[in-house]
Amino acid sequence: MLIKDMFTKDINREINGVIQVAQDTESVVYQEVSEYVVTDELLELFEKFFDAYFKAFKEPTNGIGVWISGFFGSGKSHFLKMLSYILENKQIGSSKTVEMFKDKLAASPNLDRMMEQATAVDTEAILFNIDIEGTSEKDSTAVMRVFSKMFYNHLGFFGENLKVARVEFYLYQDGKTEEFRRVFKAARTGQLAVKRLNCRPVISYRP
C-alpha cells in the first residue's frame, strides 16, 4: 500500500491555498465546505458568534458589528466565508450548508439549534475585499462609503456613485424606475435634472 492510498480523498486534487471571495463556483464552494475542519477552538468561535447573532433577534440592538482578528494565515477569511455560507444556508449540490455542517458541529447541540433558528430568516451575504473595493481617499467616512457602494451594487444600483445610487433606490422604492427609464429615453432634446426636496431626491423633466 502506498501512503497516498491511506487518505480518503485524492491527495493530487486541486486545493486552493488561499481563500478568496471571488472563488464562488459550486465546485469550489462544495470543496470548501465539505473539507472544512471544525477544531475545538473554531467550535467555541461559532458558538460565540451564533449566541450573539441569535440574541439580536430577540433583543434588537445597534451593536451589530463583529470583528474577526487573528494573525496572517490563521483562517480569518476562511471562517468568515463559512459564516456567510451558513447564514445564507446556501444550496450546495443536493444539500443545504446547515445540513453539511451538522456533523461538524455535533459536539455542540445548542449550536445546532441556534444555527437552525438563525437561518430561518432569509439572509443575503455580501462578501468583498475592502482593500480592493475601497478608494485611495482614507478619511473618517472611507469604510462607510465602501460598505454603501457594495450594498447598492448588490441591489443592482450604481454603487460607484452614491448620489446616483440613492436616486435609483428612491425611484425603486417609489415604483417609478420604469417610468424614469421611459422618460429618460424619450428626452432626446430635453434635460433631466436631479434636485432635492425636503432631503429627498426628486427627478424632474424640463422639455
N, C-alpha and C. Protein backbone atom coordinates (compact mmCIF):
# COMPACT_ATOMS: atom_id res chain seq x y z
N MET A 1 0.84 -1.20 0.00
CA MET A 1 0.00 0.00 0.00
C MET A 1 0.87 1.25 0.00
N LEU A 2 0.48 2.21 -0.80
CA LEU A 2 1.18 3.49 -0.84
C LEU A 2 0.58 4.45 0.19
N ILE A 3 1.39 5.39 0.63
CA ILE A 3 0.91 6.36 1.63
C ILE A 3 -0.32 7.11 1.12
N LYS A 4 -0.33 7.46 -0.16
CA LYS A 4 -1.46 8.22 -0.72
C LYS A 4 -2.77 7.44 -0.65
N ASP A 5 -2.67 6.10 -0.59
CA ASP A 5 -3.87 5.27 -0.52
C ASP A 5 -4.50 5.28 0.87
N MET A 6 -3.79 5.84 1.84
CA MET A 6 -4.31 5.88 3.20
C MET A 6 -5.28 7.03 3.40
N PHE A 7 -5.31 7.96 2.44
CA PHE A 7 -6.17 9.14 2.57
C PHE A 7 -7.53 8.89 1.92
N THR A 8 -8.56 9.45 2.50
CA THR A 8 -9.92 9.31 1.96
C THR A 8 -10.06 10.00 0.63
N LYS A 9 -9.47 11.20 0.53
CA LYS A 9 -9.58 11.98 -0.70
C LYS A 9 -8.27 11.93 -1.49
N ASP A 10 -8.39 12.18 -2.77
CA ASP A 10 -7.24 12.16 -3.66
C ASP A 10 -6.29 13.30 -3.28
N ILE A 11 -5.08 12.97 -2.91
CA ILE A 11 -4.13 14.00 -2.47
C ILE A 11 -3.60 14.82 -3.65
N ASN A 12 -3.87 14.38 -4.87
CA ASN A 12 -3.43 15.12 -6.05
C ASN A 12 -4.50 16.08 -6.57
N ARG A 13 -5.64 16.16 -5.86
CA ARG A 13 -6.71 17.07 -6.30
C ARG A 13 -6.25 18.51 -6.13
N GLU A 14 -6.88 19.42 -6.88
CA GLU A 14 -6.53 20.84 -6.78
C GLU A 14 -7.06 21.40 -5.47
N ILE A 15 -6.19 22.07 -4.74
CA ILE A 15 -6.57 22.68 -3.46
C ILE A 15 -6.20 24.15 -3.49
N ASN A 16 -7.16 25.00 -3.16
CA ASN A 16 -6.90 26.44 -3.11
C ASN A 16 -6.09 26.75 -1.85
N GLY A 17 -4.88 27.22 -2.05
CA GLY A 17 -4.01 27.53 -0.91
C GLY A 17 -4.45 28.75 -0.14
N VAL A 18 -5.14 29.67 -0.85
CA VAL A 18 -5.61 30.90 -0.22
C VAL A 18 -7.10 31.06 -0.51
N ILE A 19 -7.89 31.31 0.51
CA ILE A 19 -9.32 31.50 0.34
C ILE A 19 -9.58 32.89 -0.24
N GLN A 20 -10.32 32.93 -1.33
CA GLN A 20 -10.63 34.21 -1.98
C GLN A 20 -12.13 34.38 -2.12
N VAL A 21 -12.59 35.62 -1.92
CA VAL A 21 -14.02 35.93 -2.01
C VAL A 21 -14.58 35.61 -3.38
N ALA A 22 -13.80 35.92 -4.42
CA ALA A 22 -14.28 35.76 -5.80
C ALA A 22 -14.45 34.29 -6.21
N GLN A 23 -13.86 33.37 -5.46
CA GLN A 23 -13.97 31.95 -5.80
C GLN A 23 -15.28 31.41 -5.23
N ASP A 24 -16.33 31.45 -6.07
CA ASP A 24 -17.65 31.07 -5.57
C ASP A 24 -18.39 30.10 -6.48
N THR A 25 -17.67 29.39 -7.34
CA THR A 25 -18.33 28.39 -8.18
C THR A 25 -18.79 27.24 -7.28
N GLU A 26 -19.77 26.48 -7.76
CA GLU A 26 -20.34 25.42 -6.93
C GLU A 26 -19.29 24.39 -6.52
N SER A 27 -18.39 24.05 -7.43
CA SER A 27 -17.37 23.05 -7.10
C SER A 27 -16.43 23.55 -6.02
N VAL A 28 -16.06 24.84 -6.10
CA VAL A 28 -15.17 25.42 -5.09
C VAL A 28 -15.88 25.49 -3.74
N VAL A 29 -17.13 25.95 -3.76
CA VAL A 29 -17.90 26.07 -2.52
C VAL A 29 -18.07 24.69 -1.86
N TYR A 30 -18.37 23.69 -2.68
CA TYR A 30 -18.54 22.34 -2.13
C TYR A 30 -17.26 21.85 -1.47
N GLN A 31 -16.14 22.06 -2.14
CA GLN A 31 -14.86 21.62 -1.57
C GLN A 31 -14.55 22.37 -0.28
N GLU A 32 -14.79 23.69 -0.28
CA GLU A 32 -14.51 24.49 0.91
C GLU A 32 -15.33 24.01 2.11
N VAL A 33 -16.61 23.77 1.89
CA VAL A 33 -17.49 23.38 3.00
C VAL A 33 -17.25 21.94 3.42
N SER A 34 -17.19 21.03 2.46
CA SER A 34 -17.05 19.60 2.79
C SER A 34 -15.72 19.30 3.47
N GLU A 35 -14.67 20.07 3.14
CA GLU A 35 -13.36 19.79 3.70
C GLU A 35 -12.99 20.72 4.87
N TYR A 36 -13.94 21.56 5.28
CA TYR A 36 -13.67 22.48 6.39
C TYR A 36 -13.66 21.69 7.70
N VAL A 37 -12.58 21.80 8.44
CA VAL A 37 -12.42 21.08 9.70
C VAL A 37 -12.70 22.02 10.86
N VAL A 38 -13.68 21.67 11.67
CA VAL A 38 -14.04 22.50 12.83
C VAL A 38 -13.29 21.98 14.06
N THR A 39 -12.28 22.71 14.46
CA THR A 39 -11.50 22.36 15.64
C THR A 39 -12.25 22.80 16.89
N ASP A 40 -11.75 22.42 18.06
CA ASP A 40 -12.38 22.83 19.32
C ASP A 40 -12.41 24.35 19.44
N GLU A 41 -11.33 24.99 18.99
CA GLU A 41 -11.27 26.46 19.06
C GLU A 41 -12.31 27.08 18.14
N LEU A 42 -12.44 26.54 16.92
CA LEU A 42 -13.43 27.05 15.98
C LEU A 42 -14.85 26.81 16.50
N LEU A 43 -15.07 25.69 17.15
CA LEU A 43 -16.38 25.38 17.70
C LEU A 43 -16.78 26.46 18.72
N GLU A 44 -15.84 26.87 19.54
CA GLU A 44 -16.10 27.93 20.51
C GLU A 44 -16.42 29.25 19.82
N LEU A 45 -15.71 29.53 18.73
CA LEU A 45 -15.94 30.77 17.99
C LEU A 45 -17.31 30.77 17.31
N PHE A 46 -17.70 29.63 16.75
CA PHE A 46 -19.03 29.51 16.15
C PHE A 46 -20.11 29.72 17.22
N GLU A 47 -19.91 29.12 18.39
CA GLU A 47 -20.87 29.27 19.48
C GLU A 47 -20.98 30.73 19.91
N LYS A 48 -19.84 31.39 20.03
CA LYS A 48 -19.83 32.78 20.45
C LYS A 48 -20.55 33.66 19.44
N PHE A 49 -20.29 33.42 18.15
CA PHE A 49 -20.92 34.22 17.10
C PHE A 49 -22.44 34.02 17.08
N PHE A 50 -22.87 32.76 17.01
CA PHE A 50 -24.30 32.49 16.87
C PHE A 50 -25.08 32.83 18.13
N ASP A 51 -24.44 32.77 19.27
CA ASP A 51 -25.11 33.19 20.51
C ASP A 51 -25.44 34.68 20.43
N ALA A 52 -24.46 35.49 20.02
CA ALA A 52 -24.68 36.94 19.89
C ALA A 52 -25.63 37.25 18.75
N TYR A 53 -25.50 36.53 17.66
CA TYR A 53 -26.34 36.75 16.48
C TYR A 53 -27.80 36.44 16.79
N PHE A 54 -28.04 35.31 17.46
CA PHE A 54 -29.40 34.91 17.78
C PHE A 54 -30.04 35.86 18.80
N LYS A 55 -29.27 36.33 19.77
CA LYS A 55 -29.80 37.24 20.78
C LYS A 55 -30.29 38.54 20.15
N ALA A 56 -29.64 38.95 19.04
CA ALA A 56 -30.01 40.20 18.37
C ALA A 56 -31.43 40.13 17.80
N PHE A 57 -31.91 38.92 17.51
CA PHE A 57 -33.29 38.76 17.02
C PHE A 57 -34.29 38.94 18.16
N LYS A 58 -33.92 38.47 19.35
CA LYS A 58 -34.83 38.55 20.49
C LYS A 58 -34.77 39.92 21.16
N GLU A 59 -33.58 40.51 21.17
CA GLU A 59 -33.39 41.82 21.79
C GLU A 59 -32.69 42.73 20.78
N PRO A 60 -33.48 43.48 20.00
CA PRO A 60 -32.89 44.37 18.98
C PRO A 60 -31.81 45.26 19.56
N THR A 61 -30.70 45.39 18.82
CA THR A 61 -29.58 46.20 19.28
C THR A 61 -28.90 46.87 18.10
N ASN A 62 -28.24 47.99 18.37
CA ASN A 62 -27.48 48.66 17.31
C ASN A 62 -26.02 48.18 17.32
N GLY A 63 -25.69 47.29 18.23
CA GLY A 63 -24.34 46.73 18.28
C GLY A 63 -24.25 45.53 17.35
N ILE A 64 -24.26 45.80 16.05
CA ILE A 64 -24.37 44.73 15.06
C ILE A 64 -23.05 44.36 14.41
N GLY A 65 -21.98 45.00 14.80
CA GLY A 65 -20.69 44.71 14.18
C GLY A 65 -19.99 43.54 14.84
N VAL A 66 -19.26 42.78 14.04
CA VAL A 66 -18.45 41.67 14.55
C VAL A 66 -17.03 41.83 14.01
N TRP A 67 -16.06 41.78 14.89
CA TRP A 67 -14.67 41.94 14.49
C TRP A 67 -13.95 40.61 14.60
N ILE A 68 -13.41 40.13 13.49
CA ILE A 68 -12.66 38.87 13.48
C ILE A 68 -11.18 39.21 13.35
N SER A 69 -10.41 38.85 14.34
CA SER A 69 -8.98 39.20 14.33
C SER A 69 -8.13 37.93 14.46
N GLY A 70 -6.93 38.02 13.96
CA GLY A 70 -6.01 36.87 14.03
C GLY A 70 -4.78 37.15 13.20
N PHE A 71 -3.75 36.36 13.41
CA PHE A 71 -2.51 36.54 12.67
C PHE A 71 -2.71 36.17 11.20
N PHE A 72 -1.80 36.61 10.36
CA PHE A 72 -1.84 36.28 8.94
C PHE A 72 -1.83 34.76 8.77
N GLY A 73 -2.78 34.25 7.98
CA GLY A 73 -2.82 32.82 7.73
C GLY A 73 -3.51 32.01 8.81
N SER A 74 -4.15 32.70 9.78
CA SER A 74 -4.80 31.98 10.89
C SER A 74 -6.18 31.44 10.53
N GLY A 75 -6.71 31.85 9.37
CA GLY A 75 -8.01 31.32 8.94
C GLY A 75 -9.17 32.28 9.07
N LYS A 76 -8.89 33.58 9.17
CA LYS A 76 -9.96 34.58 9.33
C LYS A 76 -10.91 34.57 8.13
N SER A 77 -10.34 34.66 6.93
CA SER A 77 -11.16 34.72 5.72
C SER A 77 -11.95 33.43 5.54
N HIS A 78 -11.32 32.32 5.87
CA HIS A 78 -11.97 31.02 5.74
C HIS A 78 -13.17 30.95 6.69
N PHE A 79 -12.97 31.36 7.92
CA PHE A 79 -14.02 31.36 8.94
C PHE A 79 -15.17 32.28 8.52
N LEU A 80 -14.83 33.48 8.03
CA LEU A 80 -15.84 34.44 7.60
C LEU A 80 -16.65 33.89 6.43
N LYS A 81 -15.96 33.25 5.49
CA LYS A 81 -16.65 32.71 4.33
C LYS A 81 -17.60 31.59 4.75
N MET A 82 -17.20 30.77 5.71
CA MET A 82 -18.08 29.71 6.20
C MET A 82 -19.31 30.31 6.88
N LEU A 83 -19.11 31.38 7.64
CA LEU A 83 -20.25 32.05 8.28
C LEU A 83 -21.24 32.55 7.24
N SER A 84 -20.72 33.11 6.15
CA SER A 84 -21.60 33.64 5.10
C SER A 84 -22.40 32.51 4.46
N TYR A 85 -21.75 31.37 4.24
CA TYR A 85 -22.45 30.22 3.65
C TYR A 85 -23.55 29.73 4.58
N ILE A 86 -23.24 29.66 5.88
CA ILE A 86 -24.21 29.17 6.86
C ILE A 86 -25.40 30.12 6.98
N LEU A 87 -25.12 31.42 7.09
CA LEU A 87 -26.20 32.40 7.27
C LEU A 87 -27.13 32.43 6.06
N GLU A 88 -26.56 32.28 4.88
CA GLU A 88 -27.39 32.21 3.67
C GLU A 88 -28.04 30.84 3.52
N ASN A 89 -27.48 29.86 4.26
CA ASN A 89 -27.88 28.45 4.12
C ASN A 89 -27.85 28.10 2.63
N LYS A 90 -26.72 28.38 2.07
CA LYS A 90 -26.50 28.22 0.63
C LYS A 90 -26.75 26.80 0.16
N GLN A 91 -27.42 26.67 -1.00
CA GLN A 91 -27.63 25.36 -1.61
C GLN A 91 -26.34 24.91 -2.27
N ILE A 92 -25.82 23.78 -1.84
CA ILE A 92 -24.57 23.26 -2.40
C ILE A 92 -24.85 21.86 -2.92
N GLY A 93 -24.98 21.75 -4.22
CA GLY A 93 -25.36 20.46 -4.79
C GLY A 93 -26.76 20.09 -4.35
N SER A 94 -26.91 18.95 -3.72
CA SER A 94 -28.23 18.48 -3.26
C SER A 94 -28.49 18.81 -1.80
N SER A 95 -27.54 19.49 -1.15
CA SER A 95 -27.67 19.77 0.28
C SER A 95 -27.59 21.25 0.58
N LYS A 96 -28.14 21.62 1.73
CA LYS A 96 -28.00 22.98 2.24
C LYS A 96 -26.75 23.03 3.12
N THR A 97 -26.20 24.21 3.26
CA THR A 97 -24.96 24.36 4.05
C THR A 97 -25.14 23.88 5.49
N VAL A 98 -26.27 24.24 6.10
CA VAL A 98 -26.51 23.85 7.50
C VAL A 98 -26.48 22.33 7.65
N GLU A 99 -27.05 21.63 6.68
CA GLU A 99 -27.05 20.17 6.73
C GLU A 99 -25.62 19.62 6.67
N MET A 100 -24.78 20.26 5.85
CA MET A 100 -23.41 19.81 5.69
C MET A 100 -22.58 20.08 6.94
N PHE A 101 -23.04 21.03 7.77
CA PHE A 101 -22.29 21.39 8.98
C PHE A 101 -22.75 20.61 10.21
N LYS A 102 -23.87 19.90 10.13
CA LYS A 102 -24.40 19.22 11.30
C LYS A 102 -23.40 18.28 11.95
N ASP A 103 -22.76 17.45 11.15
CA ASP A 103 -21.78 16.51 11.70
C ASP A 103 -20.56 17.24 12.25
N LYS A 104 -20.19 18.34 11.59
CA LYS A 104 -19.00 19.09 12.02
C LYS A 104 -19.23 19.75 13.39
N LEU A 105 -20.51 20.07 13.70
CA LEU A 105 -20.84 20.79 14.93
C LEU A 105 -21.59 19.91 15.92
N ALA A 106 -21.50 18.59 15.70
CA ALA A 106 -22.26 17.65 16.53
C ALA A 106 -21.90 17.73 18.01
N ALA A 107 -20.71 18.21 18.31
CA ALA A 107 -20.27 18.28 19.71
C ALA A 107 -20.99 19.38 20.49
N SER A 108 -21.75 20.22 19.77
CA SER A 108 -22.45 21.32 20.43
C SER A 108 -23.92 21.35 19.99
N PRO A 109 -24.79 20.61 20.70
CA PRO A 109 -26.22 20.57 20.34
C PRO A 109 -26.86 21.96 20.35
N ASN A 110 -26.45 22.81 21.28
CA ASN A 110 -27.01 24.16 21.36
C ASN A 110 -26.68 24.96 20.10
N LEU A 111 -25.48 24.78 19.59
CA LEU A 111 -25.06 25.49 18.39
C LEU A 111 -25.91 25.06 17.20
N ASP A 112 -26.19 23.79 17.11
CA ASP A 112 -27.02 23.28 16.02
C ASP A 112 -28.41 23.93 16.08
N ARG A 113 -28.96 24.07 17.27
CA ARG A 113 -30.27 24.69 17.45
C ARG A 113 -30.24 26.17 17.07
N MET A 114 -29.22 26.89 17.56
CA MET A 114 -29.11 28.32 17.27
C MET A 114 -28.91 28.56 15.78
N MET A 115 -28.14 27.68 15.15
CA MET A 115 -27.88 27.82 13.72
C MET A 115 -29.16 27.62 12.91
N GLU A 116 -29.97 26.65 13.31
CA GLU A 116 -31.25 26.40 12.63
C GLU A 116 -32.17 27.60 12.77
N GLN A 117 -32.23 28.18 13.98
CA GLN A 117 -33.11 29.32 14.21
C GLN A 117 -32.62 30.56 13.46
N ALA A 118 -31.31 30.75 13.42
CA ALA A 118 -30.76 31.93 12.74
C ALA A 118 -31.00 31.87 11.24
N THR A 119 -30.90 30.68 10.67
CA THR A 119 -31.05 30.55 9.23
C THR A 119 -32.51 30.45 8.80
N ALA A 120 -33.43 30.49 9.78
CA ALA A 120 -34.85 30.53 9.44
C ALA A 120 -35.22 31.88 8.84
N VAL A 121 -34.35 32.86 9.04
CA VAL A 121 -34.55 34.20 8.49
C VAL A 121 -33.80 34.31 7.17
N ASP A 122 -34.48 34.75 6.12
CA ASP A 122 -33.82 34.90 4.82
C ASP A 122 -32.66 35.89 4.93
N THR A 123 -31.50 35.47 4.50
CA THR A 123 -30.29 36.27 4.65
C THR A 123 -29.48 36.26 3.36
N GLU A 124 -28.94 37.40 3.00
CA GLU A 124 -28.03 37.51 1.86
C GLU A 124 -26.69 38.02 2.37
N ALA A 125 -25.62 37.38 1.97
CA ALA A 125 -24.28 37.79 2.39
C ALA A 125 -23.59 38.53 1.24
N ILE A 126 -22.92 39.61 1.58
CA ILE A 126 -22.16 40.38 0.58
C ILE A 126 -20.70 40.33 0.99
N LEU A 127 -19.93 39.52 0.29
CA LEU A 127 -18.51 39.37 0.59
C LEU A 127 -17.66 40.21 -0.36
N PHE A 128 -16.69 40.91 0.16
CA PHE A 128 -15.80 41.69 -0.69
C PHE A 128 -14.50 41.98 0.04
N ASN A 129 -13.48 42.30 -0.74
CA ASN A 129 -12.17 42.68 -0.20
C ASN A 129 -12.13 44.20 -0.11
N ILE A 130 -12.13 44.72 1.11
CA ILE A 130 -12.23 46.16 1.30
C ILE A 130 -11.01 46.90 0.74
N ASP A 131 -9.86 46.23 0.71
CA ASP A 131 -8.66 46.87 0.15
C ASP A 131 -8.81 47.10 -1.35
N ILE A 132 -9.50 46.16 -2.02
CA ILE A 132 -9.69 46.27 -3.46
C ILE A 132 -10.83 47.22 -3.80
N GLU A 133 -11.93 47.11 -3.07
CA GLU A 133 -13.12 47.89 -3.38
C GLU A 133 -13.08 49.31 -2.84
N GLY A 134 -12.20 49.58 -1.88
CA GLY A 134 -12.11 50.92 -1.31
C GLY A 134 -11.41 51.90 -2.23
N THR A 135 -11.47 53.16 -1.87
CA THR A 135 -10.83 54.21 -2.66
C THR A 135 -9.51 54.62 -2.01
N SER A 136 -8.78 55.46 -2.71
CA SER A 136 -7.50 55.94 -2.18
C SER A 136 -7.71 57.02 -1.11
N GLU A 137 -8.93 57.56 -1.05
CA GLU A 137 -9.23 58.59 -0.05
C GLU A 137 -9.52 57.93 1.29
N LYS A 138 -8.60 58.08 2.22
CA LYS A 138 -8.74 57.45 3.53
C LYS A 138 -9.11 58.52 4.56
N ASP A 139 -10.41 58.64 4.84
CA ASP A 139 -10.87 59.58 5.85
C ASP A 139 -11.85 58.88 6.76
N SER A 140 -12.54 59.63 7.60
CA SER A 140 -13.44 59.04 8.59
C SER A 140 -14.65 58.35 7.97
N THR A 141 -14.93 58.63 6.70
CA THR A 141 -16.11 58.02 6.05
C THR A 141 -15.72 56.94 5.05
N ALA A 142 -14.45 56.60 4.96
CA ALA A 142 -13.97 55.65 3.94
C ALA A 142 -14.64 54.29 4.06
N VAL A 143 -14.73 53.77 5.27
CA VAL A 143 -15.33 52.45 5.47
C VAL A 143 -16.82 52.49 5.15
N MET A 144 -17.49 53.55 5.60
CA MET A 144 -18.92 53.68 5.33
C MET A 144 -19.20 53.76 3.83
N ARG A 145 -18.34 54.47 3.10
CA ARG A 145 -18.55 54.63 1.66
C ARG A 145 -18.42 53.31 0.92
N VAL A 146 -17.42 52.52 1.28
CA VAL A 146 -17.22 51.26 0.57
C VAL A 146 -18.33 50.26 0.92
N PHE A 147 -18.81 50.29 2.18
CA PHE A 147 -19.93 49.43 2.55
C PHE A 147 -21.18 49.83 1.78
N SER A 148 -21.42 51.13 1.67
CA SER A 148 -22.59 51.61 0.92
C SER A 148 -22.47 51.25 -0.55
N LYS A 149 -21.28 51.41 -1.09
CA LYS A 149 -21.04 51.08 -2.50
C LYS A 149 -21.38 49.62 -2.78
N MET A 150 -20.89 48.71 -1.95
CA MET A 150 -21.11 47.29 -2.19
C MET A 150 -22.57 46.90 -1.94
N PHE A 151 -23.22 47.58 -0.99
CA PHE A 151 -24.63 47.31 -0.73
C PHE A 151 -25.48 47.70 -1.94
N TYR A 152 -25.25 48.90 -2.47
CA TYR A 152 -26.01 49.35 -3.63
C TYR A 152 -25.71 48.50 -4.86
N ASN A 153 -24.45 48.13 -5.05
CA ASN A 153 -24.09 47.25 -6.17
C ASN A 153 -24.83 45.92 -6.07
N HIS A 154 -24.92 45.41 -4.86
CA HIS A 154 -25.61 44.13 -4.64
C HIS A 154 -27.08 44.23 -5.02
N LEU A 155 -27.66 45.41 -4.82
CA LEU A 155 -29.07 45.62 -5.17
C LEU A 155 -29.26 45.88 -6.66
N GLY A 156 -28.14 46.06 -7.37
CA GLY A 156 -28.24 46.31 -8.81
C GLY A 156 -28.19 47.77 -9.18
N PHE A 157 -27.82 48.64 -8.22
CA PHE A 157 -27.73 50.07 -8.47
C PHE A 157 -26.27 50.45 -8.71
N PHE A 158 -26.04 51.73 -9.04
CA PHE A 158 -24.70 52.19 -9.39
C PHE A 158 -23.97 52.66 -8.13
N GLY A 159 -23.42 51.70 -7.39
CA GLY A 159 -22.78 52.00 -6.12
C GLY A 159 -21.52 52.82 -6.22
N GLU A 160 -20.90 52.87 -7.41
CA GLU A 160 -19.67 53.65 -7.57
C GLU A 160 -19.94 55.14 -7.37
N ASN A 161 -21.17 55.56 -7.57
CA ASN A 161 -21.56 56.96 -7.32
C ASN A 161 -22.76 56.92 -6.37
N LEU A 162 -22.53 57.24 -5.09
CA LEU A 162 -23.57 57.07 -4.09
C LEU A 162 -24.76 58.01 -4.31
N LYS A 163 -24.53 59.17 -4.89
CA LYS A 163 -25.64 60.08 -5.16
C LYS A 163 -26.57 59.48 -6.20
N VAL A 164 -25.98 58.92 -7.26
CA VAL A 164 -26.79 58.28 -8.30
C VAL A 164 -27.50 57.06 -7.72
N ALA A 165 -26.79 56.28 -6.90
CA ALA A 165 -27.37 55.07 -6.32
C ALA A 165 -28.57 55.40 -5.44
N ARG A 166 -28.47 56.50 -4.70
CA ARG A 166 -29.59 56.89 -3.82
C ARG A 166 -30.80 57.30 -4.64
N VAL A 167 -30.56 57.98 -5.76
CA VAL A 167 -31.67 58.36 -6.64
C VAL A 167 -32.32 57.10 -7.20
N GLU A 168 -31.49 56.15 -7.64
CA GLU A 168 -32.02 54.89 -8.17
C GLU A 168 -32.83 54.15 -7.11
N PHE A 169 -32.33 54.15 -5.89
CA PHE A 169 -33.01 53.47 -4.79
C PHE A 169 -34.35 54.13 -4.49
N TYR A 170 -34.36 55.46 -4.51
CA TYR A 170 -35.61 56.20 -4.28
C TYR A 170 -36.63 55.87 -5.36
N LEU A 171 -36.20 55.86 -6.61
CA LEU A 171 -37.10 55.53 -7.73
C LEU A 171 -37.65 54.12 -7.57
N TYR A 172 -36.78 53.20 -7.17
CA TYR A 172 -37.19 51.81 -6.99
C TYR A 172 -38.24 51.70 -5.88
N GLN A 173 -37.99 52.36 -4.75
CA GLN A 173 -38.93 52.32 -3.64
C GLN A 173 -40.27 52.92 -4.02
N ASP A 174 -40.23 53.94 -4.87
CA ASP A 174 -41.45 54.64 -5.28
C ASP A 174 -42.13 53.95 -6.47
N GLY A 175 -41.50 52.88 -6.98
CA GLY A 175 -42.09 52.15 -8.09
C GLY A 175 -42.04 52.91 -9.41
N LYS A 176 -41.05 53.80 -9.56
CA LYS A 176 -41.00 54.64 -10.76
C LYS A 176 -39.77 54.41 -11.62
N THR A 177 -39.09 53.30 -11.40
CA THR A 177 -37.89 53.03 -12.18
C THR A 177 -38.19 52.94 -13.67
N GLU A 178 -39.19 52.17 -14.04
CA GLU A 178 -39.52 52.01 -15.46
C GLU A 178 -40.00 53.32 -16.06
N GLU A 179 -40.76 54.09 -15.29
CA GLU A 179 -41.23 55.38 -15.79
C GLU A 179 -40.05 56.32 -16.04
N PHE A 180 -39.08 56.29 -15.13
CA PHE A 180 -37.88 57.12 -15.29
C PHE A 180 -37.11 56.72 -16.55
N ARG A 181 -36.97 55.44 -16.76
CA ARG A 181 -36.25 54.96 -17.95
C ARG A 181 -36.96 55.40 -19.23
N ARG A 182 -38.30 55.33 -19.20
CA ARG A 182 -39.08 55.73 -20.37
C ARG A 182 -38.92 57.22 -20.65
N VAL A 183 -39.01 58.03 -19.60
CA VAL A 183 -38.87 59.48 -19.76
C VAL A 183 -37.45 59.85 -20.20
N PHE A 184 -36.48 59.17 -19.61
CA PHE A 184 -35.08 59.44 -19.95
C PHE A 184 -34.82 59.13 -21.42
N LYS A 185 -35.35 58.01 -21.87
CA LYS A 185 -35.16 57.59 -23.26
C LYS A 185 -35.84 58.55 -24.22
N ALA A 186 -37.00 59.08 -23.81
CA ALA A 186 -37.76 59.98 -24.68
C ALA A 186 -37.20 61.40 -24.70
N ALA A 187 -36.41 61.73 -23.68
CA ALA A 187 -35.93 63.11 -23.55
C ALA A 187 -34.70 63.34 -24.42
N ARG A 188 -34.87 63.28 -25.73
CA ARG A 188 -33.73 63.43 -26.63
C ARG A 188 -33.29 64.89 -26.74
N THR A 189 -34.25 65.81 -26.69
CA THR A 189 -33.91 67.22 -26.84
C THR A 189 -34.09 67.99 -25.53
N GLY A 190 -34.63 67.30 -24.51
CA GLY A 190 -34.85 67.99 -23.25
C GLY A 190 -33.72 67.75 -22.27
N GLN A 191 -33.95 68.09 -21.03
CA GLN A 191 -32.94 67.93 -20.00
C GLN A 191 -33.58 67.25 -18.79
N LEU A 192 -32.81 66.40 -18.17
CA LEU A 192 -33.26 65.79 -16.93
C LEU A 192 -32.47 66.41 -15.80
N ALA A 193 -33.16 66.80 -14.76
CA ALA A 193 -32.48 67.44 -13.64
C ALA A 193 -32.76 66.66 -12.37
N VAL A 194 -31.77 66.60 -11.51
CA VAL A 194 -31.92 65.97 -10.22
C VAL A 194 -31.84 67.05 -9.17
N LYS A 195 -32.86 67.18 -8.36
CA LYS A 195 -32.85 68.18 -7.32
C LYS A 195 -33.30 67.54 -6.01
N ARG A 196 -33.12 68.24 -4.92
CA ARG A 196 -33.51 67.70 -3.63
C ARG A 196 -34.67 68.53 -3.08
N LEU A 197 -35.67 67.83 -2.58
CA LEU A 197 -36.82 68.47 -1.99
C LEU A 197 -37.09 67.81 -0.65
N ASN A 198 -36.98 68.58 0.42
CA ASN A 198 -37.15 68.04 1.76
C ASN A 198 -36.24 66.84 2.00
N CYS A 199 -34.99 66.98 1.53
CA CYS A 199 -33.95 65.96 1.73
C CYS A 199 -34.23 64.66 0.96
N ARG A 200 -35.16 64.70 0.01
CA ARG A 200 -35.43 63.52 -0.80
C ARG A 200 -35.09 63.83 -2.24
N PRO A 201 -34.39 62.94 -2.93
CA PRO A 201 -34.05 63.17 -4.33
C PRO A 201 -35.28 63.10 -5.20
N VAL A 202 -35.45 64.06 -6.08
CA VAL A 202 -36.60 64.11 -6.98
C VAL A 202 -36.12 64.29 -8.40
N ILE A 203 -36.68 63.52 -9.33
CA ILE A 203 -36.35 63.64 -10.74
C ILE A 203 -37.37 64.53 -11.41
N SER A 204 -36.92 65.56 -12.07
CA SER A 204 -37.85 66.44 -12.79
C SER A 204 -37.43 66.51 -14.25
N TYR A 205 -38.39 66.72 -15.11
CA TYR A 205 -38.13 66.77 -16.55
C TYR A 205 -38.48 68.15 -17.10
N ARG A 206 -37.51 68.72 -17.81
CA ARG A 206 -37.74 70.03 -18.41
C ARG A 206 -37.63 69.90 -19.93
N PRO A 207 -38.71 70.02 -20.70
CA PRO A 207 -38.64 69.87 -22.16
C PRO A 207 -37.93 71.06 -22.79
